[in-house]
Amino acid sequence: MQFPIHTKETAPEASRATLEVTAKKYGFVPNLFGVLAESPTAVQAYAAINKALEQSALSPVEQQVVALTVSATNDCAYCMGAHSAVAQMVRMPDDVLAALRDQRSLSDRKLNALRTLVLAVLQHRGWVPEGELEHVVTAGYSQRHILDVLTIVSLKTLSNYVNHIAHTPLDAQFAAQAWKAQAVTVV
């Protein structure tokens, strides 16, 4: 099945305002938004969650740790390329980005606790063992952080699955960060 990648001009009327805002924010309409625009509900929901995350207790780097961990685990090449570019824009350390792209543990103890929580959420489908939750709290995260993690997991699950079904091509703006899946390890 071929999904269209809409522009501001070809999108359904109810999706156009969201694409306008997206184009102003990013300087272009990423292909994911173009695909989501086929459904005004989907594109508006995705944009609204992204907007809400501007109030997250997680730093921009921490948010990208979550997004990249979900996307690597779900084998989403589009989101890995896009979020690797965003991670560089928010000044994620190169060694952290490389480890996330290779699905390896992080040398930063706090960020690795966050990565481990995300893996536990995914592996246990939200039924995270109490020890995993205690580990992330011991590392310095609060219940608010955990809820923000779940919000990003939900957002990235939506985008990862859309990209799988639509075979969304990576935008030229993210091409330098193209990614191919590695052997998946859940640690």
N, C-alpha and C. Protein backbone atom coordinates (compact mmCIF):
# COMPACT_ATOMS: atom_id res chain seq x y z
N MET A 1 0.84 -1.18 0.00
CA MET A 1 0.00 0.00 0.00
C MET A 1 0.88 1.24 0.00
N GLN A 2 0.60 2.15 -0.87
CA GLN A 2 1.36 3.39 -1.00
C GLN A 2 0.66 4.51 -0.24
N PHE A 3 1.35 5.12 0.72
CA PHE A 3 0.80 6.26 1.46
C PHE A 3 1.33 7.54 0.84
N PRO A 4 0.47 8.54 0.66
CA PRO A 4 0.96 9.81 0.12
C PRO A 4 1.78 10.56 1.16
N ILE A 5 2.71 11.35 0.68
CA ILE A 5 3.45 12.28 1.53
C ILE A 5 2.95 13.66 1.14
N HIS A 6 2.05 14.18 1.95
CA HIS A 6 1.39 15.44 1.62
C HIS A 6 2.29 16.64 1.83
N THR A 7 2.01 17.66 1.05
CA THR A 7 2.57 18.99 1.25
C THR A 7 1.46 19.84 1.85
N LYS A 8 1.79 21.08 2.16
CA LYS A 8 0.76 21.99 2.67
C LYS A 8 -0.36 22.18 1.65
N GLU A 9 -0.03 22.05 0.38
CA GLU A 9 -1.01 22.26 -0.68
C GLU A 9 -1.87 21.02 -0.95
N THR A 10 -1.33 19.83 -0.76
CA THR A 10 -2.07 18.61 -1.10
C THR A 10 -2.78 17.98 0.09
N ALA A 11 -2.45 18.41 1.29
CA ALA A 11 -3.03 17.81 2.51
C ALA A 11 -4.52 18.11 2.61
N PRO A 12 -5.25 17.22 3.28
CA PRO A 12 -6.65 17.55 3.58
C PRO A 12 -6.71 18.90 4.30
N GLU A 13 -7.75 19.65 4.06
CA GLU A 13 -7.90 21.00 4.62
C GLU A 13 -7.65 21.02 6.13
N ALA A 14 -8.16 20.04 6.86
CA ALA A 14 -8.04 20.02 8.32
C ALA A 14 -6.62 19.74 8.80
N SER A 15 -5.72 19.32 7.92
CA SER A 15 -4.32 19.06 8.27
C SER A 15 -3.40 20.23 7.94
N ARG A 16 -3.86 21.15 7.12
CA ARG A 16 -2.99 22.19 6.58
C ARG A 16 -2.42 23.13 7.64
N ALA A 17 -3.21 23.51 8.61
CA ALA A 17 -2.70 24.42 9.65
C ALA A 17 -1.56 23.76 10.43
N THR A 18 -1.69 22.47 10.71
CA THR A 18 -0.64 21.75 11.43
C THR A 18 0.63 21.70 10.59
N LEU A 19 0.50 21.49 9.30
CA LEU A 19 1.67 21.46 8.42
C LEU A 19 2.31 22.84 8.32
N GLU A 20 1.50 23.89 8.35
CA GLU A 20 2.04 25.26 8.34
C GLU A 20 2.90 25.51 9.57
N VAL A 21 2.39 25.16 10.73
CA VAL A 21 3.13 25.33 11.99
C VAL A 21 4.40 24.49 11.96
N THR A 22 4.30 23.28 11.47
CA THR A 22 5.45 22.37 11.39
C THR A 22 6.52 22.95 10.47
N ALA A 23 6.13 23.46 9.33
CA ALA A 23 7.08 24.05 8.38
C ALA A 23 7.79 25.24 9.00
N LYS A 24 7.08 26.05 9.76
CA LYS A 24 7.71 27.20 10.43
C LYS A 24 8.69 26.74 11.50
N LYS A 25 8.34 25.68 12.22
CA LYS A 25 9.19 25.19 13.30
C LYS A 25 10.47 24.56 12.77
N TYR A 26 10.36 23.73 11.74
CA TYR A 26 11.50 22.97 11.23
C TYR A 26 12.15 23.57 9.98
N GLY A 27 11.47 24.48 9.34
CA GLY A 27 11.98 25.03 8.10
C GLY A 27 11.58 24.20 6.89
N PHE A 28 10.86 23.13 7.11
CA PHE A 28 10.34 22.25 6.06
C PHE A 28 9.31 21.34 6.71
N VAL A 29 8.57 20.60 5.90
CA VAL A 29 7.62 19.62 6.43
C VAL A 29 8.28 18.25 6.34
N PRO A 30 8.71 17.68 7.49
CA PRO A 30 9.30 16.34 7.45
C PRO A 30 8.31 15.33 6.85
N ASN A 31 8.86 14.35 6.16
CA ASN A 31 8.03 13.35 5.50
C ASN A 31 7.05 12.66 6.44
N LEU A 32 7.45 12.43 7.69
CA LEU A 32 6.53 11.81 8.65
C LEU A 32 5.26 12.64 8.79
N PHE A 33 5.41 13.96 8.93
CA PHE A 33 4.24 14.83 9.03
C PHE A 33 3.42 14.79 7.75
N GLY A 34 4.11 14.70 6.61
CA GLY A 34 3.41 14.60 5.34
C GLY A 34 2.56 13.35 5.24
N VAL A 35 3.07 12.24 5.78
CA VAL A 35 2.29 11.00 5.81
C VAL A 35 1.14 11.13 6.79
N LEU A 36 1.43 11.59 8.00
CA LEU A 36 0.40 11.73 9.02
C LEU A 36 -0.73 12.66 8.58
N ALA A 37 -0.42 13.63 7.71
CA ALA A 37 -1.41 14.61 7.27
C ALA A 37 -2.60 13.99 6.57
N GLU A 38 -2.46 12.79 6.06
CA GLU A 38 -3.60 12.10 5.44
C GLU A 38 -4.76 12.01 6.43
N SER A 39 -4.42 11.90 7.71
CA SER A 39 -5.43 11.88 8.78
C SER A 39 -5.26 13.13 9.63
N PRO A 40 -6.17 14.08 9.56
CA PRO A 40 -6.06 15.25 10.43
C PRO A 40 -5.94 14.87 11.91
N THR A 41 -6.63 13.83 12.31
CA THR A 41 -6.55 13.37 13.69
C THR A 41 -5.13 12.96 14.04
N ALA A 42 -4.51 12.17 13.19
CA ALA A 42 -3.15 11.67 13.46
C ALA A 42 -2.14 12.80 13.49
N VAL A 43 -2.16 13.67 12.50
CA VAL A 43 -1.15 14.74 12.45
C VAL A 43 -1.35 15.74 13.58
N GLN A 44 -2.61 16.03 13.91
CA GLN A 44 -2.86 16.97 15.01
C GLN A 44 -2.46 16.35 16.36
N ALA A 45 -2.74 15.07 16.55
CA ALA A 45 -2.35 14.40 17.80
C ALA A 45 -0.84 14.37 17.94
N TYR A 46 -0.15 14.02 16.87
CA TYR A 46 1.31 13.95 16.91
C TYR A 46 1.91 15.32 17.22
N ALA A 47 1.40 16.36 16.56
CA ALA A 47 1.91 17.71 16.79
C ALA A 47 1.59 18.18 18.21
N ALA A 48 0.41 17.84 18.71
CA ALA A 48 0.01 18.28 20.05
C ALA A 48 0.89 17.63 21.13
N ILE A 49 1.20 16.37 20.97
CA ILE A 49 2.07 15.71 21.95
C ILE A 49 3.47 16.31 21.88
N ASN A 50 3.97 16.55 20.67
CA ASN A 50 5.27 17.21 20.55
C ASN A 50 5.28 18.56 21.23
N LYS A 51 4.22 19.32 21.05
CA LYS A 51 4.10 20.64 21.67
C LYS A 51 4.06 20.50 23.20
N ALA A 52 3.32 19.56 23.70
CA ALA A 52 3.23 19.33 25.15
C ALA A 52 4.58 18.96 25.73
N LEU A 53 5.39 18.25 24.98
CA LEU A 53 6.71 17.84 25.47
C LEU A 53 7.67 19.00 25.67
N GLU A 54 7.32 20.17 25.16
CA GLU A 54 8.13 21.36 25.44
C GLU A 54 8.11 21.68 26.93
N GLN A 55 7.12 21.16 27.65
CA GLN A 55 6.99 21.37 29.09
C GLN A 55 7.53 20.18 29.89
N SER A 56 8.18 19.25 29.25
CA SER A 56 8.66 18.04 29.90
C SER A 56 9.69 18.34 30.98
N ALA A 57 9.69 17.54 32.01
CA ALA A 57 10.72 17.61 33.04
C ALA A 57 12.04 17.04 32.53
N LEU A 58 11.99 16.29 31.44
CA LEU A 58 13.21 15.74 30.85
C LEU A 58 13.89 16.80 30.00
N SER A 59 15.21 16.86 30.08
CA SER A 59 15.98 17.79 29.25
C SER A 59 15.86 17.37 27.79
N PRO A 60 16.20 18.26 26.86
CA PRO A 60 16.18 17.87 25.45
C PRO A 60 17.06 16.65 25.16
N VAL A 61 18.21 16.54 25.79
CA VAL A 61 19.07 15.36 25.59
C VAL A 61 18.37 14.12 26.13
N GLU A 62 17.79 14.22 27.32
CA GLU A 62 17.08 13.06 27.89
C GLU A 62 15.91 12.65 27.01
N GLN A 63 15.20 13.61 26.46
CA GLN A 63 14.09 13.28 25.56
C GLN A 63 14.59 12.50 24.35
N GLN A 64 15.74 12.89 23.84
CA GLN A 64 16.30 12.19 22.68
C GLN A 64 16.82 10.80 23.05
N VAL A 65 17.30 10.63 24.28
CA VAL A 65 17.68 9.29 24.74
C VAL A 65 16.46 8.38 24.66
N VAL A 66 15.32 8.87 25.14
CA VAL A 66 14.09 8.07 25.11
C VAL A 66 13.67 7.80 23.66
N ALA A 67 13.61 8.85 22.85
CA ALA A 67 13.16 8.70 21.46
C ALA A 67 14.04 7.74 20.67
N LEU A 68 15.34 7.86 20.83
CA LEU A 68 16.27 6.99 20.10
C LEU A 68 16.22 5.56 20.61
N THR A 69 16.03 5.38 21.90
CA THR A 69 15.94 4.02 22.45
C THR A 69 14.69 3.31 21.93
N VAL A 70 13.56 4.01 21.93
CA VAL A 70 12.33 3.43 21.41
C VAL A 70 12.50 3.11 19.93
N SER A 71 13.00 4.07 19.18
CA SER A 71 13.11 3.91 17.72
C SER A 71 14.08 2.81 17.32
N ALA A 72 15.18 2.67 18.05
CA ALA A 72 16.12 1.58 17.76
C ALA A 72 15.48 0.24 18.09
N THR A 73 14.82 0.17 19.23
CA THR A 73 14.18 -1.09 19.64
C THR A 73 13.09 -1.48 18.65
N ASN A 74 12.35 -0.49 18.15
CA ASN A 74 11.29 -0.76 17.18
C ASN A 74 11.80 -0.82 15.75
N ASP A 75 13.11 -0.68 15.56
CA ASP A 75 13.73 -0.82 14.25
C ASP A 75 13.18 0.19 13.24
N CYS A 76 13.08 1.45 13.67
CA CYS A 76 12.55 2.50 12.80
C CYS A 76 13.70 3.35 12.25
N ALA A 77 14.10 3.06 11.04
CA ALA A 77 15.22 3.78 10.42
C ALA A 77 14.90 5.26 10.24
N TYR A 78 13.65 5.59 9.88
CA TYR A 78 13.29 6.99 9.70
C TYR A 78 13.49 7.77 11.00
N CYS A 79 12.92 7.28 12.09
CA CYS A 79 13.03 8.01 13.36
C CYS A 79 14.46 8.02 13.89
N MET A 80 15.21 6.98 13.64
CA MET A 80 16.61 6.98 14.07
C MET A 80 17.39 8.07 13.33
N GLY A 81 17.17 8.21 12.04
CA GLY A 81 17.85 9.26 11.29
C GLY A 81 17.42 10.64 11.75
N ALA A 82 16.11 10.84 11.87
CA ALA A 82 15.59 12.15 12.26
C ALA A 82 16.02 12.51 13.69
N HIS A 83 15.88 11.58 14.62
CA HIS A 83 16.22 11.89 16.02
C HIS A 83 17.72 11.96 16.25
N SER A 84 18.51 11.29 15.44
CA SER A 84 19.96 11.46 15.54
C SER A 84 20.34 12.89 15.16
N ALA A 85 19.68 13.43 14.14
CA ALA A 85 19.93 14.82 13.74
C ALA A 85 19.48 15.77 14.85
N VAL A 86 18.31 15.51 15.42
CA VAL A 86 17.83 16.36 16.52
C VAL A 86 18.76 16.25 17.72
N ALA A 87 19.23 15.04 18.01
CA ALA A 87 20.15 14.84 19.14
C ALA A 87 21.41 15.69 18.98
N GLN A 88 21.90 15.78 17.77
CA GLN A 88 23.06 16.64 17.51
C GLN A 88 22.70 18.11 17.72
N MET A 89 21.51 18.50 17.31
CA MET A 89 21.08 19.89 17.47
C MET A 89 20.95 20.28 18.95
N VAL A 90 20.57 19.33 19.80
CA VAL A 90 20.45 19.64 21.24
C VAL A 90 21.75 19.34 21.99
N ARG A 91 22.80 19.08 21.24
CA ARG A 91 24.15 18.89 21.77
C ARG A 91 24.31 17.63 22.64
N MET A 92 23.70 16.55 22.19
CA MET A 92 23.93 15.26 22.84
C MET A 92 25.39 14.90 22.61
N PRO A 93 26.11 14.44 23.65
CA PRO A 93 27.50 14.04 23.45
C PRO A 93 27.61 12.94 22.37
N ASP A 94 28.63 13.05 21.54
CA ASP A 94 28.82 12.10 20.44
C ASP A 94 28.86 10.65 20.90
N ASP A 95 29.52 10.40 22.05
CA ASP A 95 29.62 9.01 22.52
C ASP A 95 28.26 8.47 22.94
N VAL A 96 27.39 9.31 23.48
CA VAL A 96 26.05 8.89 23.86
C VAL A 96 25.24 8.57 22.61
N LEU A 97 25.29 9.44 21.62
CA LEU A 97 24.57 9.21 20.37
C LEU A 97 25.05 7.93 19.69
N ALA A 98 26.35 7.72 19.64
CA ALA A 98 26.88 6.51 19.01
C ALA A 98 26.42 5.26 19.73
N ALA A 99 26.42 5.29 21.05
CA ALA A 99 25.97 4.12 21.83
C ALA A 99 24.49 3.84 21.60
N LEU A 100 23.68 4.89 21.57
CA LEU A 100 22.26 4.69 21.32
C LEU A 100 22.00 4.12 19.94
N ARG A 101 22.73 4.62 18.95
CA ARG A 101 22.56 4.12 17.58
C ARG A 101 23.02 2.67 17.46
N ASP A 102 23.99 2.28 18.31
CA ASP A 102 24.48 0.90 18.30
C ASP A 102 23.76 0.01 19.31
N GLN A 103 22.79 0.59 20.02
CA GLN A 103 22.00 -0.13 21.02
C GLN A 103 22.88 -0.70 22.13
N ARG A 104 23.79 0.15 22.61
CA ARG A 104 24.69 -0.24 23.69
C ARG A 104 24.37 0.58 24.95
N SER A 105 24.81 0.07 26.08
CA SER A 105 24.68 0.81 27.34
C SER A 105 25.44 2.12 27.25
N LEU A 106 25.00 3.08 28.04
CA LEU A 106 25.61 4.41 28.05
C LEU A 106 26.57 4.53 29.23
N SER A 107 27.68 5.24 29.02
CA SER A 107 28.65 5.43 30.10
C SER A 107 28.12 6.38 31.17
N ASP A 108 27.22 7.28 30.81
CA ASP A 108 26.60 8.19 31.77
C ASP A 108 25.55 7.39 32.56
N ARG A 109 25.78 7.24 33.86
CA ARG A 109 24.94 6.39 34.71
C ARG A 109 23.48 6.84 34.70
N LYS A 110 23.23 8.15 34.80
CA LYS A 110 21.87 8.64 34.85
C LYS A 110 21.15 8.42 33.52
N LEU A 111 21.81 8.78 32.42
CA LEU A 111 21.19 8.56 31.11
C LEU A 111 20.98 7.08 30.83
N ASN A 112 21.89 6.24 31.31
CA ASN A 112 21.72 4.81 31.10
C ASN A 112 20.53 4.27 31.90
N ALA A 113 20.29 4.83 33.08
CA ALA A 113 19.11 4.43 33.86
C ALA A 113 17.84 4.77 33.08
N LEU A 114 17.85 5.91 32.42
CA LEU A 114 16.71 6.31 31.59
C LEU A 114 16.54 5.34 30.42
N ARG A 115 17.63 5.02 29.75
CA ARG A 115 17.60 4.07 28.64
C ARG A 115 17.07 2.71 29.12
N THR A 116 17.54 2.26 30.27
CA THR A 116 17.11 0.98 30.81
C THR A 116 15.62 0.98 31.14
N LEU A 117 15.12 2.10 31.65
CA LEU A 117 13.69 2.22 31.93
C LEU A 117 12.89 2.06 30.63
N VAL A 118 13.32 2.75 29.59
CA VAL A 118 12.61 2.66 28.31
C VAL A 118 12.59 1.22 27.81
N LEU A 119 13.72 0.55 27.89
CA LEU A 119 13.77 -0.85 27.46
C LEU A 119 12.84 -1.72 28.29
N ALA A 120 12.77 -1.45 29.60
CA ALA A 120 11.87 -2.21 30.47
C ALA A 120 10.41 -1.94 30.13
N VAL A 121 10.08 -0.69 29.85
CA VAL A 121 8.71 -0.35 29.45
C VAL A 121 8.33 -1.14 28.20
N LEU A 122 9.21 -1.13 27.22
CA LEU A 122 8.93 -1.82 25.96
C LEU A 122 8.88 -3.33 26.14
N GLN A 123 9.86 -3.86 26.85
CA GLN A 123 9.93 -5.32 27.03
C GLN A 123 8.75 -5.85 27.82
N HIS A 124 8.33 -5.12 28.83
CA HIS A 124 7.26 -5.59 29.71
C HIS A 124 5.89 -4.98 29.38
N ARG A 125 5.83 -4.27 28.24
CA ARG A 125 4.58 -3.66 27.78
C ARG A 125 3.93 -2.79 28.85
N GLY A 126 4.78 -2.05 29.55
CA GLY A 126 4.30 -1.13 30.56
C GLY A 126 4.24 -1.70 31.96
N TRP A 127 4.32 -3.01 32.10
CA TRP A 127 4.31 -3.66 33.41
C TRP A 127 5.74 -3.70 33.94
N VAL A 128 6.29 -2.54 34.20
CA VAL A 128 7.70 -2.42 34.59
C VAL A 128 7.88 -2.97 36.01
N PRO A 129 8.83 -3.89 36.19
CA PRO A 129 9.09 -4.41 37.54
C PRO A 129 9.48 -3.28 38.51
N GLU A 130 9.04 -3.42 39.73
CA GLU A 130 9.27 -2.40 40.75
C GLU A 130 10.76 -2.08 40.89
N GLY A 131 11.63 -3.08 40.78
CA GLY A 131 13.07 -2.84 40.88
C GLY A 131 13.59 -1.91 39.80
N GLU A 132 13.03 -2.00 38.61
CA GLU A 132 13.43 -1.11 37.51
C GLU A 132 13.00 0.32 37.80
N LEU A 133 11.80 0.47 38.36
CA LEU A 133 11.32 1.81 38.72
C LEU A 133 12.17 2.40 39.83
N GLU A 134 12.51 1.59 40.82
CA GLU A 134 13.36 2.07 41.91
C GLU A 134 14.74 2.47 41.40
N HIS A 135 15.26 1.73 40.44
CA HIS A 135 16.57 2.03 39.86
C HIS A 135 16.58 3.41 39.21
N VAL A 136 15.53 3.73 38.46
CA VAL A 136 15.48 5.01 37.78
C VAL A 136 15.28 6.16 38.78
N VAL A 137 14.55 5.91 39.85
CA VAL A 137 14.37 6.93 40.90
C VAL A 137 15.69 7.15 41.63
N THR A 138 16.40 6.08 41.93
CA THR A 138 17.72 6.19 42.57
C THR A 138 18.69 6.98 41.71
N ALA A 139 18.54 6.89 40.40
CA ALA A 139 19.42 7.61 39.48
C ALA A 139 19.08 9.10 39.43
N GLY A 140 17.95 9.51 40.03
CA GLY A 140 17.63 10.92 40.09
C GLY A 140 16.38 11.35 39.37
N TYR A 141 15.59 10.39 38.92
CA TYR A 141 14.36 10.72 38.21
C TYR A 141 13.15 10.58 39.13
N SER A 142 12.11 11.37 38.83
CA SER A 142 10.91 11.40 39.65
C SER A 142 9.75 10.71 38.92
N GLN A 143 8.62 10.65 39.60
CA GLN A 143 7.42 10.11 38.96
C GLN A 143 7.03 10.95 37.73
N ARG A 144 7.22 12.25 37.81
CA ARG A 144 6.94 13.11 36.66
C ARG A 144 7.81 12.71 35.47
N HIS A 145 9.08 12.47 35.73
CA HIS A 145 9.97 12.03 34.65
C HIS A 145 9.47 10.73 34.03
N ILE A 146 9.06 9.79 34.88
CA ILE A 146 8.58 8.49 34.38
C ILE A 146 7.36 8.69 33.48
N LEU A 147 6.45 9.56 33.88
CA LEU A 147 5.27 9.84 33.05
C LEU A 147 5.66 10.51 31.74
N ASP A 148 6.66 11.39 31.78
CA ASP A 148 7.14 12.01 30.55
C ASP A 148 7.79 10.97 29.63
N VAL A 149 8.50 10.01 30.22
CA VAL A 149 9.07 8.90 29.43
C VAL A 149 7.95 8.15 28.72
N LEU A 150 6.89 7.84 29.45
CA LEU A 150 5.77 7.11 28.84
C LEU A 150 5.11 7.91 27.72
N THR A 151 5.06 9.22 27.87
CA THR A 151 4.51 10.07 26.83
C THR A 151 5.35 9.97 25.56
N ILE A 152 6.67 10.00 25.71
CA ILE A 152 7.55 9.90 24.54
C ILE A 152 7.48 8.50 23.95
N VAL A 153 7.41 7.47 24.78
CA VAL A 153 7.26 6.10 24.28
C VAL A 153 5.99 6.01 23.42
N SER A 154 4.91 6.60 23.90
CA SER A 154 3.66 6.57 23.14
C SER A 154 3.80 7.30 21.80
N LEU A 155 4.41 8.49 21.85
CA LEU A 155 4.62 9.28 20.64
C LEU A 155 5.48 8.53 19.64
N LYS A 156 6.57 7.96 20.10
CA LYS A 156 7.49 7.28 19.20
C LYS A 156 6.90 5.97 18.70
N THR A 157 6.10 5.31 19.49
CA THR A 157 5.43 4.10 19.00
C THR A 157 4.52 4.46 17.84
N LEU A 158 3.77 5.55 17.98
CA LEU A 158 2.92 6.02 16.89
C LEU A 158 3.75 6.28 15.63
N SER A 159 4.81 7.08 15.77
CA SER A 159 5.59 7.43 14.57
C SER A 159 6.33 6.23 14.01
N ASN A 160 6.88 5.37 14.87
CA ASN A 160 7.58 4.18 14.39
C ASN A 160 6.65 3.29 13.57
N TYR A 161 5.46 3.07 14.09
CA TYR A 161 4.51 2.19 13.40
C TYR A 161 4.02 2.82 12.10
N VAL A 162 3.77 4.12 12.12
CA VAL A 162 3.37 4.80 10.88
C VAL A 162 4.48 4.63 9.84
N ASN A 163 5.71 4.84 10.25
CA ASN A 163 6.83 4.72 9.30
C ASN A 163 7.00 3.30 8.79
N HIS A 164 6.74 2.30 9.62
CA HIS A 164 6.81 0.92 9.16
C HIS A 164 5.76 0.66 8.09
N ILE A 165 4.53 1.08 8.35
CA ILE A 165 3.43 0.81 7.43
C ILE A 165 3.56 1.63 6.15
N ALA A 166 3.97 2.90 6.30
CA ALA A 166 4.03 3.80 5.14
C ALA A 166 5.37 3.74 4.41
N HIS A 167 6.37 3.09 4.99
CA HIS A 167 7.72 3.06 4.39
C HIS A 167 8.20 4.48 4.11
N THR A 168 8.07 5.33 5.12
CA THR A 168 8.40 6.74 4.98
C THR A 168 9.87 6.92 4.63
N PRO A 169 10.17 7.59 3.54
CA PRO A 169 11.58 7.82 3.18
C PRO A 169 12.19 8.92 4.06
N LEU A 170 13.45 8.75 4.38
CA LEU A 170 14.16 9.72 5.19
C LEU A 170 14.34 11.02 4.40
N ASP A 171 14.07 12.12 5.05
CA ASP A 171 14.22 13.44 4.42
C ASP A 171 15.70 13.72 4.13
N ALA A 172 15.95 14.47 3.09
CA ALA A 172 17.32 14.86 2.74
C ALA A 172 17.99 15.58 3.90
N GLN A 173 17.22 16.33 4.68
CA GLN A 173 17.78 17.08 5.82
C GLN A 173 18.34 16.16 6.90
N PHE A 174 17.91 14.90 6.93
CA PHE A 174 18.38 13.95 7.93
C PHE A 174 19.31 12.88 7.35
N ALA A 175 19.58 12.96 6.06
CA ALA A 175 20.31 11.90 5.35
C ALA A 175 21.68 11.61 5.94
N ALA A 176 22.35 12.60 6.48
CA ALA A 176 23.68 12.37 7.08
C ALA A 176 23.61 11.45 8.28
N GLN A 177 22.41 11.29 8.84
CA GLN A 177 22.24 10.42 10.01
C GLN A 177 21.46 9.15 9.68
N ALA A 178 21.45 8.75 8.42
CA ALA A 178 20.76 7.52 8.04
C ALA A 178 21.26 6.38 8.91
N TRP A 179 20.38 5.42 9.20
CA TRP A 179 20.67 4.35 10.15
C TRP A 179 20.13 3.03 9.62
N LYS A 180 20.90 1.99 9.84
CA LYS A 180 20.44 0.63 9.55
C LYS A 180 20.40 -0.12 10.86
N ALA A 181 19.41 -0.96 10.99
CA ALA A 181 19.22 -1.72 12.23
C ALA A 181 20.41 -2.62 12.54
N GLN A 182 20.68 -2.72 13.82
CA GLN A 182 21.69 -3.64 14.32
C GLN A 182 20.94 -4.85 14.89
N ALA A 183 21.68 -5.83 15.35
CA ALA A 183 21.04 -6.93 16.07
C ALA A 183 20.45 -6.32 17.34
N VAL A 184 19.16 -6.52 17.57
CA VAL A 184 18.48 -5.91 18.71
C VAL A 184 18.86 -6.63 20.00
N THR A 185 19.33 -5.86 20.96
CA THR A 185 19.63 -6.38 22.29
C THR A 185 18.83 -5.59 23.30
N VAL A 186 18.14 -6.27 24.17
CA VAL A 186 17.36 -5.61 25.21
C VAL A 186 18.07 -5.85 26.53
N VAL A 187 18.73 -4.78 27.00
CA VAL A 187 19.47 -4.85 28.26
C VAL A 187 19.07 -3.71 29.16
